[in-house]
Amino acid sequence: MASLRTELVRLLDESYLDDIESLPLETIRAKRAECQEAEVSLSYLRRLAQGRLDIVHAYLDRSASRSPDDLGMLVEEMPVILSAGPGRPAGPGRLPLLLSPDTEVSELTEEIDSVLGAEGIGRLGQLDADGLRSLAADLETVEHRISRERRALHVRIDGLQAELVSRYKTGQASVDGLLS
């Protein structure tokens, strides 16, 4: 896959689904697959951003009795911090077809790492409340953009899937074609 940013520009372009009714079945399936692959990458990034945001919020919420530089506390409480994040929204959700991004992780995480990388997590205790709030705001900005892009990909995936279903219902495509 090309860089995720480059792929998203192409996949989220307004013309991506133009003339979908005239496209060959194989092209529709290929478009759906590439949208699904990009969605997996965005889903991974969103979870990463949310996890880092949960860690920053844990520092903001820490009690005054703890040392602000207590990295041991962070490590010890990490499972609780990461599992206590926002719950899943109501609804059936989507069953992922791919479980991990098909690209170099460092390329994917570059933007989030620039806001808060591993080294920065180790220094969170050195930030004051204003610094932590600013960091949280930056992470929220990234997470919201990623969420918007995921929603836009879901619209495309749903449109492509609807076209496939329509072709099978109307007889323009047959199940026999899948088996040969």
C-alpha atoms as a PDB file:
ATOM      1  CA  MET A   1       0.000   0.000   0.000  1.00  0.00           C
ATOM      2  CA  ALA A   2       1.209   3.510  -0.752  1.00  0.00           C
ATOM      3  CA  SER A   3       1.444   5.853   2.189  1.00  0.00           C
ATOM      4  CA  LEU A   4      -1.824   5.954   4.094  1.00  0.00           C
ATOM      5  CA  ARG A   5      -2.120   9.724   3.594  1.00  0.00           C
ATOM      6  CA  THR A   6      -1.749   9.332  -0.190  1.00  0.00           C
ATOM      7  CA  GLU A   7      -4.265   6.486  -0.272  1.00  0.00           C
ATOM      8  CA  LEU A   8      -6.789   8.434   1.801  1.00  0.00           C
ATOM      9  CA  VAL A   9      -6.617  11.418  -0.540  1.00  0.00           C
ATOM     10  CA  ARG A  10      -7.496   9.078  -3.408  1.00  0.00           C
ATOM     11  CA  LEU A  11     -10.105   6.979  -1.557  1.00  0.00           C
ATOM     12  CA  LEU A  12     -11.869   9.957   0.011  1.00  0.00           C
ATOM     13  CA  ASP A  13     -11.980  11.978  -3.207  1.00  0.00           C
ATOM     14  CA  GLU A  14     -15.556  12.884  -4.151  1.00  0.00           C
ATOM     15  CA  SER A  15     -15.191  11.127  -7.514  1.00  0.00           C
ATOM     16  CA  TYR A  16     -14.105   7.760  -6.054  1.00  0.00           C
ATOM     17  CA  LEU A  17     -17.567   6.187  -6.447  1.00  0.00           C
ATOM     18  CA  ASP A  18     -18.499   7.979  -9.684  1.00  0.00           C
ATOM     19  CA  ASP A  19     -20.087   5.703 -12.281  1.00  0.00           C
ATOM     20  CA  ILE A  20     -20.127   2.781  -9.849  1.00  0.00           C
ATOM     21  CA  GLU A  21     -23.046   1.253 -11.759  1.00  0.00           C
ATOM     22  CA  SER A  22     -20.906   0.882 -14.886  1.00  0.00           C
ATOM     23  CA  LEU A  23     -17.815  -0.567 -13.208  1.00  0.00           C
ATOM     24  CA  PRO A  24     -16.979  -4.261 -13.634  1.00  0.00           C
ATOM     25  CA  LEU A  25     -17.666  -6.487 -10.638  1.00  0.00           C
ATOM     26  CA  GLU A  26     -13.945  -7.121 -10.101  1.00  0.00           C
ATOM     27  CA  THR A  27     -13.266  -3.386  -9.909  1.00  0.00           C
ATOM     28  CA  ILE A  28     -15.998  -2.889  -7.325  1.00  0.00           C
ATOM     29  CA  ARG A  29     -14.585  -5.711  -5.216  1.00  0.00           C
ATOM     30  CA  ALA A  30     -11.066  -4.269  -5.538  1.00  0.00           C
ATOM     31  CA  LYS A  31     -12.283  -0.815  -4.488  1.00  0.00           C
ATOM     32  CA  ARG A  32     -14.095  -2.305  -1.497  1.00  0.00           C
ATOM     33  CA  ALA A  33     -10.965  -4.238  -0.478  1.00  0.00           C
ATOM     34  CA  GLU A  34      -8.723  -1.172  -0.660  1.00  0.00           C
ATOM     35  CA  CYS A  35     -11.225   0.859   1.394  1.00  0.00           C
ATOM     36  CA  GLN A  36     -11.368  -1.941   3.969  1.00  0.00           C
ATOM     37  CA  GLU A  37      -7.565  -2.072   4.146  1.00  0.00           C
ATOM     38  CA  ALA A  38      -7.352   1.687   4.736  1.00  0.00           C
ATOM     39  CA  GLU A  39     -10.127   1.443   7.352  1.00  0.00           C
ATOM     40  CA  VAL A  40      -8.117  -1.186   9.265  1.00  0.00           C
ATOM     41  CA  SER A  41      -5.135   1.166   9.338  1.00  0.00           C
ATOM     42  CA  LEU A  42      -7.283   4.068  10.524  1.00  0.00           C
ATOM     43  CA  SER A  43      -8.924   1.883  13.149  1.00  0.00           C
ATOM     44  CA  TYR A  44      -5.477   0.954  14.466  1.00  0.00           C
ATOM     45  CA  LEU A  45      -4.436   4.607  14.576  1.00  0.00           C
ATOM     46  CA  ARG A  46      -7.644   5.622  16.314  1.00  0.00           C
ATOM     47  CA  ARG A  47      -7.121   3.008  19.030  1.00  0.00           C
ATOM     48  CA  LEU A  48      -3.537   4.181  19.439  1.00  0.00           C
ATOM     49  CA  ALA A  49      -4.590   7.831  19.766  1.00  0.00           C
ATOM     50  CA  GLN A  50      -7.330   6.907  22.247  1.00  0.00           C
ATOM     51  CA  GLY A  51      -4.893   4.864  24.342  1.00  0.00           C
ATOM     52  CA  ARG A  52      -2.418   7.725  24.540  1.00  0.00           C
ATOM     53  CA  LEU A  53      -5.235  10.108  25.360  1.00  0.00           C
ATOM     54  CA  ASP A  54      -6.341   7.797  28.188  1.00  0.00           C
ATOM     55  CA  ILE A  55      -2.790   7.865  29.561  1.00  0.00           C
ATOM     56  CA  VAL A  56      -2.684  11.676  29.482  1.00  0.00           C
ATOM     57  CA  HIS A  57      -6.073  11.836  31.222  1.00  0.00           C
ATOM     58  CA  ALA A  58      -4.805   9.435  33.886  1.00  0.00           C
ATOM     59  CA  TYR A  59      -2.028  11.912  34.643  1.00  0.00           C
ATOM     60  CA  LEU A  60      -4.531  14.754  34.759  1.00  0.00           C
ATOM     61  CA  ASP A  61      -6.725  12.771  37.160  1.00  0.00           C
ATOM     62  CA  ARG A  62      -3.932  11.507  39.416  1.00  0.00           C
ATOM     63  CA  SER A  63      -4.211  12.305  43.064  1.00  0.00           C
ATOM     64  CA  ALA A  64      -2.010  14.974  44.623  1.00  0.00           C
ATOM     65  CA  SER A  65      -0.485  12.378  46.932  1.00  0.00           C
ATOM     66  CA  ARG A  66       1.423  10.706  44.098  1.00  0.00           C
ATOM     67  CA  SER A  67       4.739  11.883  42.813  1.00  0.00           C
ATOM     68  CA  PRO A  68       4.250  13.537  39.427  1.00  0.00           C
ATOM     69  CA  ASP A  69       7.264  11.644  38.039  1.00  0.00           C
ATOM     70  CA  ASP A  70       6.042   8.243  39.226  1.00  0.00           C
ATOM     71  CA  LEU A  71       6.591   6.246  36.039  1.00  0.00           C
ATOM     72  CA  GLY A  72       6.193   3.054  38.051  1.00  0.00           C
ATOM     73  CA  MET A  73       2.610   4.092  38.828  1.00  0.00           C
ATOM     74  CA  LEU A  74       1.940   4.519  35.141  1.00  0.00           C
ATOM     75  CA  VAL A  75       3.315   1.101  34.273  1.00  0.00           C
ATOM     76  CA  GLU A  76       1.462  -0.570  37.150  1.00  0.00           C
ATOM     77  CA  GLU A  77      -1.865   1.060  36.291  1.00  0.00           C
ATOM     78  CA  MET A  78      -1.552   0.764  32.500  1.00  0.00           C
ATOM     79  CA  PRO A  79      -4.025  -2.139  32.135  1.00  0.00           C
ATOM     80  CA  VAL A  80      -6.638  -0.238  34.165  1.00  0.00           C
ATOM     81  CA  ILE A  81      -5.970   3.046  32.344  1.00  0.00           C
ATOM     82  CA  LEU A  82      -6.276   1.521  28.882  1.00  0.00           C
ATOM     83  CA  SER A  83      -9.324  -0.607  29.660  1.00  0.00           C
ATOM     84  CA  ALA A  84     -11.200   2.273  31.304  1.00  0.00           C
ATOM     85  CA  GLY A  85     -11.337   4.375  28.125  1.00  0.00           C
ATOM     86  CA  PRO A  86     -14.548   5.310  26.365  1.00  0.00           C
ATOM     87  CA  GLY A  87     -16.975   2.456  25.881  1.00  0.00           C
ATOM     88  CA  ARG A  88     -18.152   1.184  22.541  1.00  0.00           C
ATOM     89  CA  PRO A  89     -21.115   2.955  21.021  1.00  0.00           C
ATOM     90  CA  ALA A  90     -24.412   1.105  20.864  1.00  0.00           C
ATOM     91  CA  GLY A  91     -25.082  -0.885  17.740  1.00  0.00           C
ATOM     92  CA  PRO A  92     -23.858  -3.996  16.023  1.00  0.00           C
ATOM     93  CA  GLY A  93     -20.499  -2.515  14.992  1.00  0.00           C
ATOM     94  CA  ARG A  94     -18.468  -3.957  12.158  1.00  0.00           C
ATOM     95  CA  LEU A  95     -16.666  -7.251  12.133  1.00  0.00           C
ATOM     96  CA  PRO A  96     -13.183  -6.546  10.776  1.00  0.00           C
ATOM     97  CA  LEU A  97     -12.069  -8.617   7.823  1.00  0.00           C
ATOM     98  CA  LEU A  98      -8.446  -7.647   8.379  1.00  0.00           C
ATOM     99  CA  LEU A  99      -7.008  -7.558  11.858  1.00  0.00           C
ATOM    100  CA  SER A 100      -3.867  -5.500  11.409  1.00  0.00           C
ATOM    101  CA  PRO A 101      -2.657  -2.799   9.057  1.00  0.00           C
ATOM    102  CA  ASP A 102      -0.740  -3.976   6.016  1.00  0.00           C
ATOM    103  CA  THR A 103       1.997  -1.372   6.196  1.00  0.00           C
ATOM    104  CA  GLU A 104       5.022  -0.340   8.218  1.00  0.00           C
ATOM    105  CA  VAL A 105       3.762   0.673  11.656  1.00  0.00           C
ATOM    106  CA  SER A 106       6.249   3.548  12.021  1.00  0.00           C
ATOM    107  CA  GLU A 107       4.844   5.152   8.845  1.00  0.00           C
ATOM    108  CA  LEU A 108       1.345   4.831  10.234  1.00  0.00           C
ATOM    109  CA  THR A 109       2.101   6.167  13.687  1.00  0.00           C
ATOM    110  CA  GLU A 110       4.350   9.059  12.660  1.00  0.00           C
ATOM    111  CA  GLU A 111       1.704  11.751  13.254  1.00  0.00           C
ATOM    112  CA  ILE A 112       0.590  10.405  16.628  1.00  0.00           C
ATOM    113  CA  ASP A 113       4.207   9.866  17.691  1.00  0.00           C
ATOM    114  CA  SER A 114       4.926  13.499  16.827  1.00  0.00           C
ATOM    115  CA  VAL A 115       2.229  14.544  19.309  1.00  0.00           C
ATOM    116  CA  LEU A 116       3.100  11.994  22.002  1.00  0.00           C
ATOM    117  CA  GLY A 117       5.686   9.311  21.363  1.00  0.00           C
ATOM    118  CA  ALA A 118       7.027   6.676  23.718  1.00  0.00           C
ATOM    119  CA  GLU A 119       9.657   9.046  25.102  1.00  0.00           C
ATOM    120  CA  GLY A 120       6.986  11.659  25.779  1.00  0.00           C
ATOM    121  CA  ILE A 121       4.863   9.167  27.697  1.00  0.00           C
ATOM    122  CA  GLY A 122       7.814   8.597  30.011  1.00  0.00           C
ATOM    123  CA  ARG A 123       8.005  12.348  30.689  1.00  0.00           C
ATOM    124  CA  LEU A 124       4.301  13.057  31.277  1.00  0.00           C
ATOM    125  CA  GLY A 125       4.918  13.418  35.011  1.00  0.00           C
ATOM    126  CA  GLN A 126       7.104  16.439  34.285  1.00  0.00           C
ATOM    127  CA  LEU A 127       4.262  18.371  32.646  1.00  0.00           C
ATOM    128  CA  ASP A 128       1.955  20.672  34.564  1.00  0.00           C
ATOM    129  CA  ALA A 129      -1.825  20.487  34.198  1.00  0.00           C
ATOM    130  CA  ASP A 130      -1.864  23.070  31.385  1.00  0.00           C
ATOM    131  CA  GLY A 131       0.762  21.126  29.450  1.00  0.00           C
ATOM    132  CA  LEU A 132      -1.220  17.908  29.898  1.00  0.00           C
ATOM    133  CA  ARG A 133      -4.459  19.578  28.789  1.00  0.00           C
ATOM    134  CA  SER A 134      -2.731  20.988  25.702  1.00  0.00           C
ATOM    135  CA  LEU A 135      -1.343  17.556  24.871  1.00  0.00           C
ATOM    136  CA  ALA A 136      -4.802  16.021  25.356  1.00  0.00           C
ATOM    137  CA  ALA A 137      -6.313  18.624  23.020  1.00  0.00           C
ATOM    138  CA  ASP A 138      -3.721  17.832  20.342  1.00  0.00           C
ATOM    139  CA  LEU A 139      -4.425  14.101  20.646  1.00  0.00           C
ATOM    140  CA  GLU A 140      -8.191  14.731  20.501  1.00  0.00           C
ATOM    141  CA  THR A 141      -7.737  16.747  17.299  1.00  0.00           C
ATOM    142  CA  VAL A 142      -5.873  13.868  15.670  1.00  0.00           C
ATOM    143  CA  GLU A 143      -8.378  11.287  16.951  1.00  0.00           C
ATOM    144  CA  HIS A 144     -11.370  13.294  15.669  1.00  0.00           C
ATOM    145  CA  ARG A 145      -9.829  13.647  12.203  1.00  0.00           C
ATOM    146  CA  ILE A 146      -9.103   9.926  12.074  1.00  0.00           C
ATOM    147  CA  SER A 147     -12.693   9.182  13.142  1.00  0.00           C
ATOM    148  CA  ARG A 148     -14.086  11.430  10.380  1.00  0.00           C
ATOM    149  CA  GLU A 149     -11.931   9.662   7.810  1.00  0.00           C
ATOM    150  CA  ARG A 150     -13.077   6.247   9.071  1.00  0.00           C
ATOM    151  CA  ARG A 151     -16.721   7.286   8.803  1.00  0.00           C
ATOM    152  CA  ALA A 152     -16.130   8.495   5.239  1.00  0.00           C
ATOM    153  CA  LEU A 153     -14.514   5.150   4.371  1.00  0.00           C
ATOM    154  CA  HIS A 154     -17.494   3.312   5.892  1.00  0.00           C
ATOM    155  CA  VAL A 155     -19.791   5.276   3.566  1.00  0.00           C
ATOM    156  CA  ARG A 156     -17.719   4.152   0.599  1.00  0.00           C
ATOM    157  CA  ILE A 157     -17.555   0.542   1.778  1.00  0.00           C
ATOM    158  CA  ASP A 158     -21.323   0.529   2.301  1.00  0.00           C
ATOM    159  CA  GLY A 159     -21.907   2.026  -1.174  1.00  0.00           C
ATOM    160  CA  LEU A 160     -19.681  -0.555  -2.824  1.00  0.00           C
ATOM    161  CA  GLN A 161     -21.313  -3.376  -0.866  1.00  0.00           C
ATOM    162  CA  ALA A 162     -24.782  -2.128  -1.796  1.00  0.00           C
ATOM    163  CA  GLU A 163     -23.818  -2.132  -5.478  1.00  0.00           C
ATOM    164  CA  LEU A 164     -22.544  -5.713  -5.204  1.00  0.00           C
ATOM    165  CA  VAL A 165     -25.726  -6.847  -3.458  1.00  0.00           C
ATOM    166  CA  SER A 166     -27.862  -5.072  -6.040  1.00  0.00           C
ATOM    167  CA  ARG A 167     -26.093  -6.860  -8.875  1.00  0.00           C
ATOM    168  CA  TYR A 168     -26.678 -10.241  -7.296  1.00  0.00           C
ATOM    169  CA  LYS A 169     -30.337  -9.431  -6.618  1.00  0.00           C
ATOM    170  CA  THR A 170     -30.972  -8.252 -10.169  1.00  0.00           C
ATOM    171  CA  GLY A 171     -29.053 -11.094 -11.798  1.00  0.00           C
ATOM    172  CA  GLN A 172     -26.302  -8.892 -13.216  1.00  0.00           C
ATOM    173  CA  ALA A 173     -23.897 -11.059 -11.200  1.00  0.00           C
ATOM    174  CA  SER A 174     -24.202 -14.666 -10.186  1.00  0.00           C
ATOM    175  CA  VAL A 175     -22.883 -16.755  -7.343  1.00  0.00           C
ATOM    176  CA  ASP A 176     -21.579 -19.183  -9.964  1.00  0.00           C
ATOM    177  CA  GLY A 177     -19.105 -16.477 -10.976  1.00  0.00           C
ATOM    178  CA  LEU A 178     -17.623 -16.573  -7.483  1.00  0.00           C
ATOM    179  CA  LEU A 179     -17.135 -20.337  -7.608  1.00  0.00           C
ATOM    180  CA  SER A 180     -15.351 -20.560 -10.949  1.00  0.00           C
END
